[in-house]
Structures are given as structure tokens and as C-alpha cells.
Amino acid sequence: MSQELILADWNARESITEAMIPLIGRLYRERNVEISVYGRVIVKRSVIDIIKAHRFVRQVEGEELSVVDTFPVLEIVSELDVHNAHIDIAKLAIKFRADAQGRDLKQFVSDELAVTTGPADDRNPTDVVLYGFGRIGRILTRQLVDRAGVGHSLRLRAIVVRKGKADNDLEKRASLLRRDSVHGSFKGTIQVDEENQAIVANGVSIKVIFADKPEDIDYTAYGIDNALVIDNTGMFRDAEAMSRHLQAKGAAKVLLTAPGKNMKNVVMGVNHNDIAPEDTILSAASCTTNAIVPVLKSLQDKYGIENGHVETVHSYTNDQNLIDNYHKGSRRGRAAALNMVLTETGAAKAVSKALPELEGKLTGNAIRVPTPNVSMAILNLNLKSETNRDELNDYLRYIALHSNLQKQVDYSNSPEAVSTDFVGSRAAGVVDALATIAEGNRCVLYVWYDNEYGYSCQVIRMAQHICQCTLKTFPVEA
């Protein structure tokens, strides 16, 4: 193809994509319909982002797909009376190619989405309070603001922090939300409302509450009631301490973004159905536990796991020292940005809280390394059934694309992928297929994970499940 034809084709795809963006936006804002391309959400994305999402399909499915194929699907979706759904237009397009059964595209899409049609759900959004505004707190803020105003979703009302020593406390916190050295600038506008002691992000007014004790807060005084409090401070780790949140007026449930004692530790996609309506204190476990448990469950279901070892190569965190100084933990007092630091991890033992059948079968250690974000878990396992590299990778690719764990497990087969390529990954963990080792009953898997953003996505999914506002996904997988 000549250069002129290549450029003309590109311009045509850009034009089609530009026409897709307003349809995607209206579906999201007005009907709570989230559009994706093989699990990659394309709501509030640029033209280039959407085209790249389509390009990903060739990598995982082995066939071309472009906006030329998905735009007609999107147009039909926008014409239907569809509400409260996550719709993968790429999967619909591929499925139509393979399984039209004599139907035209409009009839096919209508049949696939039949159960989503009808009146919209008129339930009110659930109030959410973020207790803490550190790394996870600010990423959760970005994600909740990004979802603001959508159907019966989650509505961020306030953040709770301790009063800082600076006079311009609000401005400093707004600045941390506005700029991030790892995740980039906030996509939108942020203003400080000193009069109402709030940060306004993309039109969402977030009350900033200064408090030292969770039980002293009266959320109802700020118009907040029956709220889900997400504690991301790391200060409270057991049910007794977490119950202090429930003494606050207006708080109904509390979710801990760390492993918790004497409470259910939940990994979305694996044991989220263990959550009962009467549960008021829950843990979202750790970032590492979320990264490895979905992959381990997939292997346990198909091959069975005899035993194994989990080695975590983890980016440094605020828990470590910037330069050598006293630290209560062994080795963590040494300079985080200069050293690989061998330390302990409870992730391997914590696996059994979500997968009881693996109780006592896994050991684990961790190495903190001089990178600010994105970590890796190395799963060295002895299986009950034999396999090989190609078979195992094909299975994990299926899990990432077509199973009920597709939001948790992603799949990469790029020969050039390194840690920074996974910054912003929404998956709990990404299997690096080219690094897989498998022979007989033994396998070694390498799983990347954005220990900040990917974990925060899992927290949001859990919050949606608790508040009963998880969107049904279409097309329904066989």
C-alpha cells in the first residue's frame, strides 16, 4: 500500500473515531453504559487511545479489528433503550463475524443486549468517604471523580485527613491531586473552595474534613448519610479498630485497603460472593494478594496446585526510608531508592483467606526495589496435572479475555514490555506470557501489577459490589 493510501486510511479511522466519542460519552452520562474494547474502557478517552485499544485486539485474538468494525455496533447500541451495562463493542463485532446465524448486525446486537433494555434504575448513588489521602486515597479520588454523575454508582462526598501544619493545607492537598510524578497530571480541572473547605474536581465538590479520630466525625452535618467509608490510612488493621468508623454518624460500612484481621479479606473476582448484606467491616486485602490470587485460582481450577513459592519484586513505598535511618522493621531503614531490600510479605499466607484450598501450600518473600511503582510476583508452582508453556499460556490468555476473571487477569506477549509499561493498568495482575516456564508438573509465572492503580481498581470494584452497583457485562461469555 502506498504512503498516500496508508495516510488516507489513518485519516478515515480518525474521522470515524471522532464520531464515536460523543456517542460513548452520552451513553455513559445519560444511561450508565460503559463501552470497552476487549476489556479496555474507552469512556473519556482520546482518539488515539481508542484506536490503540482496537490495535490491542490483533495482539490477543490474532485478527484485525478497527473502528470501521465497531462503529456500526456502537451506533446500534446508542439507538437501543439500554441502561446500566458494560458493553464490549469489540467482542460483539468479533462474535457477529463468527455467530451471526443469518441475522443482520442490528438484530444480532439487539438479541445480545435484550436483557439490558427497559427503564433505568432510579436508585440514588451511594455516598463515599475516603479516610486518608495518601497514594491510594488520591488514586481512588481520581477514579471516583472520573465516574461522577453516572446512574446509581458511587458518589465521592468527602475526604478525611489530619490538619497539616501549613496554612495553605487545602491548596497543598489539591496540588497533590493535580500532579502526580508516577501517574501524571489529573485529567481535568481542580479548584480550591476555601469558603466551603472543599476541593472541586471536574465539578465534584469534595468536602475536606479535618479529624484525628474517626468516631468523632458527624458526617450527617455535611449532608452525608449511609456512607461507605474507605480507610486507606493503614493505621487500623483489625475489626475492633475499624469499628471506630461505624461510631461516626452517617457511616454505614467501612472498607479497609490493606489486609485485615478478624474480618473477611476479599479479592474481587475470586471470593466476593462471600460478602453478605450484613457485613459492615471488610478488607480488600493487599495489592500483592489481589495480583496473585486470581491467577492462582485459575491454575487451581484447571490443574490443581500441590505447593509453591511466591517471590514478590515490589516497588518501594512510603513505609521505607528515603535515606538510611531508624526503622522498626528489619532492613527497611536502608535507603529505598538506592537498595534492593529483602523483606517479608504476608501475601502468600493471605492467599488462603480467599482460596482456603491453598492453606499451607505456599511460602513467600519479598524484595523491595528502587522503582516508585509497578511490581512483579513470581509464582514458582508444582501442579497436580502436567502442562507445557504453550498450553498454559493459551489457557491464561482465555482467562484474561473470556472468563469471569477478565477484569482481574490481563495478558501480555510483548517482547519489549518493562515495568513502566504497566503504569495505569486496570488489571489486578498481568501475566507476562513470554516469561512463562512450564514443563511437566512444574511452572513459573511472572505477573506484573500496578500496585497503586491496579489495586485501586480492585477496591472500586469491591465498593461497587458492596453497594450493589456493579454493571453487568455484555456480551455474556459462554
Protein backbone atom coordinates (compact mmCIF):
# COMPACT_ATOMS: atom_id res chain seq x y z
CA MET A 1 0.00 0.00 0.00
CA SER A 2 1.36 3.42 -0.94
CA GLN A 3 2.13 6.09 1.64
CA GLU A 4 -0.82 8.13 0.37
CA LEU A 5 -3.25 5.23 0.87
CA ILE A 6 -1.83 4.45 4.34
CA LEU A 7 -2.32 8.07 5.40
CA ALA A 8 -5.82 8.19 3.88
CA ASP A 9 -6.78 5.04 5.78
CA TRP A 10 -5.46 6.53 9.02
CA ASN A 11 -7.36 9.78 8.49
CA ALA A 12 -10.55 7.82 7.80
CA ARG A 13 -10.15 5.90 11.07
CA GLU A 14 -9.52 9.12 12.97
CA SER A 15 -12.71 10.60 11.50
CA ILE A 16 -14.77 7.57 12.50
CA THR A 17 -13.29 7.61 16.00
CA GLU A 18 -14.13 11.29 16.39
CA ALA A 19 -17.74 10.39 15.60
CA MET A 20 -17.67 7.62 18.22
CA ILE A 21 -16.61 9.83 21.13
CA PRO A 22 -19.90 11.77 21.62
CA LEU A 23 -21.92 8.53 21.41
CA ILE A 24 -19.68 6.90 24.04
CA GLY A 25 -19.98 9.98 26.28
CA ARG A 26 -23.78 10.20 26.09
CA LEU A 27 -24.23 6.51 26.79
CA TYR A 28 -22.05 6.87 29.85
CA ARG A 29 -23.52 10.09 31.24
CA GLU A 30 -27.18 9.55 30.45
CA ARG A 31 -27.67 5.77 30.66
CA ASN A 32 -24.82 4.46 32.79
CA VAL A 33 -23.48 2.39 29.89
CA GLU A 34 -19.73 1.79 29.87
CA ILE A 35 -18.17 0.98 26.49
CA SER A 36 -14.99 -1.08 26.17
CA VAL A 37 -12.79 -2.82 23.61
CA TYR A 38 -11.71 -6.22 24.90
CA GLY A 39 -11.96 -5.02 28.48
CA ARG A 40 -10.21 -1.71 27.84
CA VAL A 41 -12.65 1.02 28.78
CA ILE A 42 -12.83 3.75 26.13
CA VAL A 43 -15.03 6.20 28.03
CA LYS A 44 -13.42 9.66 28.26
CA ARG A 45 -10.54 8.54 26.06
CA SER A 46 -8.83 10.34 23.19
CA VAL A 47 -9.00 9.40 19.52
CA ILE A 48 -5.53 7.84 19.71
CA ASP A 49 -6.38 5.90 22.89
CA ILE A 50 -9.43 4.35 21.19
CA ILE A 51 -7.51 3.41 18.06
CA LYS A 52 -4.75 1.83 20.18
CA ALA A 53 -7.35 -0.16 22.12
CA HIS A 54 -8.54 -1.64 18.82
CA ARG A 55 -4.96 -2.42 17.84
CA PHE A 56 -4.63 -4.49 21.02
CA VAL A 57 -7.21 -6.95 19.64
CA ARG A 58 -4.77 -8.16 16.99
CA GLN A 59 -2.24 -8.94 19.70
CA VAL A 60 -4.59 -11.13 21.70
CA GLU A 61 -7.03 -12.52 19.13
CA GLY A 62 -4.79 -12.82 16.08
CA GLU A 63 -7.17 -10.94 13.79
CA GLU A 64 -7.59 -7.33 12.77
CA LEU A 65 -10.29 -5.15 14.23
CA SER A 66 -10.74 -1.45 13.68
CA VAL A 67 -13.22 1.30 14.39
CA VAL A 68 -14.71 0.50 10.97
CA ASP A 69 -15.99 -2.72 12.54
CA THR A 70 -17.07 -1.38 15.93
CA PHE A 71 -18.64 1.96 14.98
CA PRO A 72 -21.76 0.33 13.47
CA VAL A 73 -22.11 -1.73 16.67
CA LEU A 74 -21.83 1.41 18.79
CA GLU A 75 -24.44 3.21 16.67
CA ILE A 76 -26.92 0.37 17.20
CA VAL A 77 -26.21 0.32 20.96
CA SER A 78 -26.90 4.06 21.14
CA GLU A 79 -30.25 3.57 19.38
CA LEU A 80 -31.41 0.83 21.76
CA ASP A 81 -33.06 1.56 25.10
CA VAL A 82 -30.05 0.22 27.01
CA HIS A 83 -29.21 1.09 30.64
CA ASN A 84 -26.73 0.12 33.36
CA ALA A 85 -24.35 -2.13 31.44
CA HIS A 86 -20.73 -2.65 30.48
CA ILE A 87 -20.75 -3.37 26.74
CA ASP A 88 -17.71 -4.61 24.86
CA ILE A 89 -18.29 -3.48 21.28
CA ALA A 90 -15.18 -5.29 20.03
CA LYS A 91 -16.31 -8.63 21.37
CA LEU A 92 -19.74 -8.05 19.85
CA ALA A 93 -18.13 -7.32 16.48
CA ILE A 94 -15.96 -10.44 16.62
CA LYS A 95 -18.87 -12.57 17.80
CA PHE A 96 -21.02 -11.29 14.92
CA ARG A 97 -18.37 -12.41 12.44
CA ALA A 98 -18.41 -15.91 13.89
CA ASP A 99 -22.01 -16.39 15.01
CA ALA A 100 -24.43 -14.16 13.09
CA GLN A 101 -26.66 -17.14 12.18
CA GLY A 102 -28.27 -15.26 9.33
CA ARG A 103 -29.10 -12.17 11.38
CA ASP A 104 -28.12 -8.69 10.29
CA LEU A 105 -25.97 -6.66 12.69
CA LYS A 106 -28.88 -4.74 14.20
CA GLN A 107 -30.84 -7.88 15.03
CA PHE A 108 -27.71 -9.58 16.38
CA VAL A 109 -26.84 -6.69 18.73
CA SER A 110 -30.47 -6.37 19.84
CA ASP A 111 -30.57 -10.06 20.73
CA GLU A 112 -27.28 -9.89 22.62
CA LEU A 113 -28.40 -6.89 24.68
CA ALA A 114 -32.05 -7.80 25.14
CA VAL A 115 -31.85 -8.09 28.94
CA THR A 116 -30.39 -4.57 29.31
CA THR A 117 -33.33 -2.79 27.71
CA GLY A 118 -36.13 -1.18 29.66
CA PRO A 119 -36.47 1.62 32.22
CA ALA A 120 -33.40 2.93 34.03
CA ASP A 121 -32.76 2.09 37.66
CA ASP A 122 -33.70 5.13 39.77
CA ARG A 123 -31.72 4.27 42.91
CA ASN A 124 -29.65 7.10 44.39
CA PRO A 125 -25.84 6.97 44.33
CA THR A 126 -24.07 5.77 47.46
CA ASP A 127 -22.13 8.38 49.42
CA VAL A 128 -18.43 7.55 49.71
CA VAL A 129 -15.92 8.96 52.19
CA LEU A 130 -12.18 8.44 51.79
CA TYR A 131 -10.48 8.26 55.17
CA GLY A 132 -6.92 9.20 54.26
CA PHE A 133 -5.48 10.94 51.23
CA GLY A 134 -2.19 9.20 50.50
CA ARG A 135 -1.14 7.27 47.39
CA ILE A 136 -4.21 5.01 47.27
CA GLY A 137 -6.56 7.74 48.52
CA ARG A 138 -5.64 10.12 45.72
CA ILE A 139 -5.90 7.45 43.02
CA LEU A 140 -9.30 6.42 44.37
CA THR A 141 -10.28 10.09 44.21
CA ARG A 142 -9.28 10.28 40.56
CA GLN A 143 -11.25 7.15 39.74
CA LEU A 144 -14.36 8.20 41.66
CA VAL A 145 -14.33 11.67 40.10
CA ASP A 146 -13.98 10.04 36.69
CA ARG A 147 -17.21 8.12 37.39
CA ALA A 148 -19.13 11.04 38.86
CA GLY A 149 -22.73 11.56 37.87
CA VAL A 150 -23.27 8.11 36.47
CA GLY A 151 -26.51 6.33 37.37
CA HIS A 152 -26.64 4.66 40.77
CA SER A 153 -22.88 4.50 41.11
CA LEU A 154 -20.58 5.76 43.85
CA ARG A 155 -20.55 9.45 44.79
CA LEU A 156 -17.43 10.81 46.47
CA ARG A 157 -18.56 13.29 49.12
CA ALA A 158 -15.58 13.84 51.41
CA ILE A 159 -12.02 13.02 52.37
CA VAL A 160 -10.83 12.90 55.98
CA VAL A 161 -7.30 13.96 56.89
CA ARG A 162 -5.37 15.28 59.84
CA LYS A 163 -4.81 19.03 59.83
CA GLY A 164 -1.38 19.83 58.39
CA LYS A 165 0.99 22.42 59.74
CA ALA A 166 0.89 24.62 56.65
CA ASP A 167 -1.58 27.49 56.42
CA ASN A 168 -2.41 26.54 52.83
CA ASP A 169 -3.37 22.96 53.70
CA LEU A 170 -6.19 22.70 51.15
CA GLU A 171 -4.06 24.06 48.33
CA LYS A 172 -1.26 21.59 49.09
CA ARG A 173 -3.66 18.63 49.06
CA ALA A 174 -5.28 19.87 45.85
CA SER A 175 -1.83 20.16 44.30
CA LEU A 176 -1.03 16.53 45.18
CA LEU A 177 -4.23 15.51 43.44
CA ARG A 178 -3.49 17.75 40.45
CA ARG A 179 0.04 16.48 39.79
CA ASP A 180 1.47 13.01 40.27
CA SER A 181 5.06 12.00 39.50
CA VAL A 182 4.00 8.45 38.61
CA HIS A 183 0.51 8.69 37.15
CA GLY A 184 0.76 12.09 35.50
CA SER A 185 -1.43 15.15 35.68
CA PHE A 186 -5.09 14.98 36.66
CA LYS A 187 -7.29 14.86 33.58
CA GLY A 188 -9.48 17.86 34.15
CA THR A 189 -9.67 20.91 36.40
CA ILE A 190 -9.16 21.23 40.14
CA GLN A 191 -10.11 24.24 42.22
CA VAL A 192 -9.87 25.03 45.93
CA ASP A 193 -13.05 26.24 47.62
CA GLU A 194 -11.72 27.78 50.83
CA GLU A 195 -15.12 29.09 51.90
CA ASN A 196 -16.68 25.61 51.94
CA GLN A 197 -13.42 23.84 52.83
CA ALA A 198 -13.59 21.69 49.72
CA ILE A 199 -11.68 20.63 46.65
CA VAL A 200 -13.69 20.84 43.42
CA ALA A 201 -12.51 18.33 40.81
CA ASN A 202 -14.27 18.29 37.43
CA GLY A 203 -17.36 19.77 39.06
CA VAL A 204 -17.35 17.34 42.00
CA SER A 205 -17.23 19.16 45.34
CA ILE A 206 -15.23 17.06 47.81
CA LYS A 207 -15.53 18.21 51.42
CA VAL A 208 -12.22 18.10 53.29
CA ILE A 209 -12.85 17.08 56.90
CA PHE A 210 -10.04 17.52 59.41
CA ALA A 211 -10.18 14.95 62.21
CA ASP A 212 -7.86 12.91 64.44
CA LYS A 213 -10.35 10.21 65.43
CA PRO A 214 -12.91 8.52 63.15
CA GLU A 215 -15.52 8.22 65.90
CA ASP A 216 -15.61 11.99 66.45
CA ILE A 217 -16.94 12.80 62.98
CA ASP A 218 -20.57 13.63 62.26
CA TYR A 219 -20.92 13.05 58.53
CA THR A 220 -24.61 13.97 58.59
CA ALA A 221 -23.57 17.54 59.40
CA TYR A 222 -22.22 17.67 55.85
CA GLY A 223 -25.28 16.06 54.26
CA ILE A 224 -23.59 12.66 54.10
CA ASP A 225 -25.53 9.61 55.24
CA ASN A 226 -25.45 5.82 54.98
CA ALA A 227 -21.92 6.21 53.64
CA LEU A 228 -19.28 3.72 52.68
CA VAL A 229 -16.04 4.78 54.36
CA ILE A 230 -12.89 3.59 52.60
CA ASP A 231 -9.96 3.61 55.04
CA ASN A 232 -6.69 3.92 53.14
CA THR A 233 -4.52 5.15 56.01
CA GLY A 234 -3.10 1.78 57.03
CA MET A 235 -3.48 2.84 60.67
CA PHE A 236 -6.28 0.41 61.60
CA ARG A 237 -5.85 -3.26 60.73
CA ASP A 238 -8.29 -5.26 62.89
CA ALA A 239 -12.07 -5.34 63.22
CA GLU A 240 -12.07 -3.70 66.65
CA ALA A 241 -10.09 -0.68 65.45
CA MET A 242 -12.07 -0.46 62.22
CA SER A 243 -15.34 -0.46 64.15
CA ARG A 244 -14.46 3.03 65.35
CA HIS A 245 -15.51 4.26 61.90
CA LEU A 246 -19.01 2.93 62.45
CA GLN A 247 -19.39 5.09 65.56
CA ALA A 248 -19.38 8.15 63.31
CA LYS A 249 -22.85 9.46 62.49
CA GLY A 250 -23.68 8.81 58.84
CA ALA A 251 -21.26 5.91 58.34
CA ALA A 252 -22.85 2.58 57.38
CA LYS A 253 -19.98 0.38 56.21
CA VAL A 254 -16.20 0.54 56.14
CA LEU A 255 -13.73 -0.93 53.66
CA LEU A 256 -10.04 -1.35 54.52
CA THR A 257 -7.44 -1.05 51.75
CA ALA A 258 -5.00 -3.41 53.45
CA PRO A 259 -5.03 -6.94 54.86
CA GLY A 260 -7.35 -7.09 57.86
CA LYS A 261 -7.62 -9.25 60.97
CA ASN A 262 -10.91 -10.72 62.20
CA MET A 263 -12.75 -9.65 59.06
CA LYS A 264 -13.36 -11.00 55.58
CA ASN A 265 -10.43 -10.40 53.22
CA VAL A 266 -11.91 -10.17 49.74
CA VAL A 267 -10.27 -10.42 46.33
CA MET A 268 -12.75 -9.31 43.70
CA GLY A 269 -13.40 -11.96 41.08
CA VAL A 270 -12.50 -14.76 43.49
CA ASN A 271 -14.39 -14.67 46.80
CA HIS A 272 -16.52 -11.53 46.50
CA ASN A 273 -19.66 -13.66 46.80
CA ASP A 274 -18.68 -14.27 50.42
CA ILE A 275 -19.77 -10.71 51.17
CA ALA A 276 -23.10 -10.75 52.97
CA PRO A 277 -25.51 -7.79 53.16
CA GLU A 278 -24.99 -7.62 56.93
CA ASP A 279 -21.18 -7.28 56.65
CA THR A 280 -20.17 -3.80 57.79
CA ILE A 281 -16.38 -4.19 58.07
CA LEU A 282 -14.45 -5.65 55.13
CA SER A 283 -10.90 -5.77 53.80
CA ALA A 284 -9.78 -5.54 50.17
CA ALA A 285 -6.60 -7.47 51.11
CA SER A 286 -3.24 -6.29 49.74
CA CYS A 287 -2.12 -5.30 46.25
CA THR A 288 0.05 -8.42 46.01
CA THR A 289 -2.72 -10.73 47.20
CA ASN A 290 -5.03 -9.22 44.58
CA ALA A 291 -2.39 -9.70 41.89
CA ILE A 292 -1.70 -13.37 42.55
CA VAL A 293 -4.96 -14.87 43.82
CA PRO A 294 -6.92 -14.63 40.51
CA VAL A 295 -4.04 -16.32 38.66
CA LEU A 296 -3.69 -18.96 41.38
CA LYS A 297 -7.43 -19.64 41.28
CA SER A 298 -7.25 -20.13 37.52
CA LEU A 299 -4.44 -22.67 37.91
CA GLN A 300 -6.13 -24.40 40.85
CA ASP A 301 -9.36 -24.80 38.87
CA LYS A 302 -7.68 -26.40 35.84
CA TYR A 303 -4.52 -28.11 37.06
CA GLY A 304 -4.61 -28.15 40.84
CA ILE A 305 -1.72 -26.75 42.90
CA GLU A 306 0.42 -29.08 45.02
CA ASN A 307 2.60 -26.37 46.57
CA GLY A 308 4.78 -23.45 45.61
CA HIS A 309 6.68 -20.28 46.44
CA VAL A 310 5.74 -16.66 45.71
CA GLU A 311 8.56 -14.14 45.33
CA THR A 312 7.45 -10.53 45.15
CA VAL A 313 9.62 -7.91 43.48
CA HIS A 314 7.93 -4.81 44.85
CA SER A 315 8.44 -1.11 44.27
CA TYR A 316 9.39 0.88 47.35
CA THR A 317 6.65 2.57 49.36
CA ASN A 318 6.29 5.41 51.88
CA ASP A 319 6.77 2.83 54.62
CA GLN A 320 10.50 2.82 53.79
CA ASN A 321 13.11 5.49 54.44
CA LEU A 322 14.34 7.81 51.71
CA ILE A 323 17.85 7.63 53.18
CA ASP A 324 19.29 5.39 55.89
CA ASN A 325 17.52 5.99 59.19
CA TYR A 326 15.91 4.16 62.07
CA HIS A 327 13.02 1.84 61.15
CA LYS A 328 11.27 -0.67 63.40
CA GLY A 329 11.32 -3.25 60.60
CA SER A 330 14.40 -5.23 59.59
CA ARG A 331 16.29 -3.77 56.59
CA ARG A 332 13.53 -1.26 55.77
CA GLY A 333 15.55 1.51 57.40
CA ARG A 334 18.01 1.47 54.49
CA ALA A 335 17.65 3.95 51.64
CA ALA A 336 14.74 2.80 49.47
CA ALA A 337 15.90 4.42 46.24
CA LEU A 338 19.44 3.02 46.50
CA ASN A 339 18.95 -0.59 47.58
CA MET A 340 17.23 -3.83 46.87
CA VAL A 341 15.77 -4.66 50.27
CA LEU A 342 14.92 -8.22 51.22
CA THR A 343 11.86 -8.23 53.44
CA GLU A 344 8.88 -10.30 54.43
CA THR A 345 5.44 -10.47 52.84
CA GLY A 346 2.24 -11.92 54.19
CA ALA A 347 0.74 -12.27 50.71
CA ALA A 348 1.46 -15.99 50.35
CA LYS A 349 -0.21 -16.83 53.66
CA ALA A 350 -3.03 -14.39 52.93
CA VAL A 351 -3.93 -16.33 49.78
CA SER A 352 -5.79 -18.90 51.89
CA LYS A 353 -8.20 -16.22 53.13
CA ALA A 354 -9.56 -16.01 49.59
CA LEU A 355 -8.64 -19.55 48.48
CA PRO A 356 -8.93 -21.84 51.54
CA GLU A 357 -7.90 -24.88 49.47
CA LEU A 358 -4.36 -23.44 49.27
CA GLU A 359 -3.95 -23.22 53.05
CA GLY A 360 -0.36 -24.09 53.99
CA LYS A 361 0.72 -24.77 50.40
CA LEU A 362 2.58 -21.53 49.63
CA THR A 363 5.62 -19.75 51.03
CA GLY A 364 6.64 -16.22 50.21
CA ASN A 365 9.26 -13.49 50.42
CA ALA A 366 9.63 -10.01 49.00
CA ILE A 367 12.35 -7.80 47.58
CA ARG A 368 11.74 -4.06 47.61
CA VAL A 369 13.46 -2.46 44.61
CA PRO A 370 14.35 1.14 43.63
CA THR A 371 11.31 1.86 41.45
CA PRO A 372 8.34 4.00 42.59
CA ASN A 373 5.52 1.89 41.16
CA VAL A 374 4.65 -1.39 39.41
CA SER A 375 5.69 -4.66 40.97
CA MET A 376 6.05 -8.29 39.94
CA ALA A 377 5.06 -11.58 41.54
CA ILE A 378 6.95 -14.70 40.52
CA LEU A 379 4.87 -17.84 41.07
CA ASN A 380 7.02 -20.97 41.27
CA LEU A 381 4.49 -23.81 41.47
CA ASN A 382 4.20 -27.56 41.47
CA LEU A 383 0.94 -28.57 39.79
CA LYS A 384 -1.13 -31.70 40.19
CA SER A 385 -1.52 -32.08 36.41
CA GLU A 386 1.07 -31.77 33.67
CA THR A 387 1.16 -28.96 31.15
CA ASN A 388 3.53 -27.11 28.85
CA ARG A 389 4.26 -23.48 28.09
CA ASP A 390 2.00 -23.10 25.06
CA GLU A 391 -0.94 -24.85 26.65
CA LEU A 392 -0.60 -22.88 29.88
CA ASN A 393 -0.30 -19.55 28.07
CA ASP A 394 -3.31 -20.34 25.88
CA TYR A 395 -5.33 -21.08 28.99
CA LEU A 396 -4.26 -17.88 30.76
CA ARG A 397 -4.98 -15.89 27.61
CA TYR A 398 -8.50 -17.32 27.62
CA ILE A 399 -8.87 -16.39 31.30
CA ALA A 400 -7.81 -12.81 30.53
CA LEU A 401 -10.18 -12.41 27.59
CA HIS A 402 -13.23 -14.55 28.15
CA SER A 403 -13.58 -15.74 31.74
CA ASN A 404 -15.26 -14.20 34.77
CA LEU A 405 -11.76 -13.14 35.86
CA GLN A 406 -11.16 -10.96 32.79
CA LYS A 407 -11.21 -7.77 34.87
CA GLN A 408 -8.62 -9.19 37.26
CA VAL A 409 -6.22 -11.02 34.91
CA ASP A 410 -4.60 -9.39 31.91
CA TYR A 411 -2.18 -10.89 29.40
CA SER A 412 0.94 -9.54 27.71
CA ASN A 413 3.01 -11.13 24.96
CA SER A 414 5.22 -8.16 24.11
CA PRO A 415 8.95 -8.97 23.90
CA GLU A 416 9.82 -5.42 24.95
CA ALA A 417 7.50 -4.90 27.95
CA VAL A 418 9.07 -3.49 31.12
CA SER A 419 7.62 -2.26 34.40
CA THR A 420 6.74 1.30 33.32
CA ASP A 421 4.58 -0.11 30.52
CA PHE A 422 2.14 -1.32 33.17
CA VAL A 423 1.67 2.00 34.96
CA GLY A 424 -2.07 2.64 34.89
CA SER A 425 -3.03 -0.99 34.24
CA ARG A 426 -6.56 -1.60 35.50
CA ALA A 427 -5.99 -5.33 35.99
CA ALA A 428 -5.09 -6.82 39.35
CA GLY A 429 -2.25 -8.67 37.61
CA VAL A 430 -0.83 -9.07 34.10
CA VAL A 431 0.66 -12.41 33.04
CA ASP A 432 3.88 -11.97 31.06
CA ALA A 433 3.41 -14.84 28.62
CA LEU A 434 6.88 -14.69 27.09
CA ALA A 435 8.44 -15.31 30.50
CA THR A 436 6.32 -18.37 31.30
CA ILE A 437 8.18 -21.58 32.10
CA ALA A 438 6.23 -24.84 32.15
CA GLU A 439 7.30 -28.44 31.87
CA GLY A 440 5.54 -31.45 33.32
CA ASN A 441 4.12 -30.62 36.73
CA ARG A 442 6.24 -27.52 37.29
CA CYS A 443 5.62 -23.97 36.16
CA VAL A 444 6.95 -20.49 36.80
CA LEU A 445 4.73 -17.50 36.03
CA TYR A 446 5.65 -13.82 36.04
CA VAL A 447 2.81 -11.48 36.95
CA TRP A 448 3.15 -7.70 36.65
CA TYR A 449 0.89 -5.41 38.67
CA ASP A 450 0.46 -1.70 39.21
CA ASN A 451 0.46 -1.87 42.98
CA GLU A 452 -1.24 1.53 43.14
CA TYR A 453 -3.62 1.93 40.19
CA GLY A 454 -4.48 -1.71 39.54
CA TYR A 455 -5.12 -2.30 43.22
CA SER A 456 -7.29 0.83 43.43
CA CYS A 457 -9.38 -0.54 40.55
CA GLN A 458 -9.97 -3.67 42.61
CA VAL A 459 -11.04 -1.51 45.56
CA ILE A 460 -13.52 0.37 43.35
CA ARG A 461 -14.90 -2.94 42.03
CA MET A 462 -15.36 -4.13 45.60
CA ALA A 463 -17.06 -0.88 46.60
CA GLN A 464 -19.45 -1.26 43.65
CA HIS A 465 -20.23 -4.82 44.69
CA ILE A 466 -20.86 -3.80 48.30
CA CYS A 467 -23.17 -1.01 47.13
CA GLN A 468 -24.86 -3.23 44.51
CA CYS A 469 -23.99 -1.06 41.54
CA THR A 470 -21.73 -3.39 39.53
CA LEU A 471 -22.57 -3.21 35.84
CA LYS A 472 -23.48 -6.41 34.01
CA THR A 473 -21.06 -7.22 31.21
CA PHE A 474 -22.09 -7.91 27.59
CA PRO A 475 -21.74 -9.95 25.51
CA VAL A 476 -22.28 -12.70 28.05
CA GLU A 477 -19.40 -15.18 27.85
CA ALA A 478 -20.26 -18.81 27.10
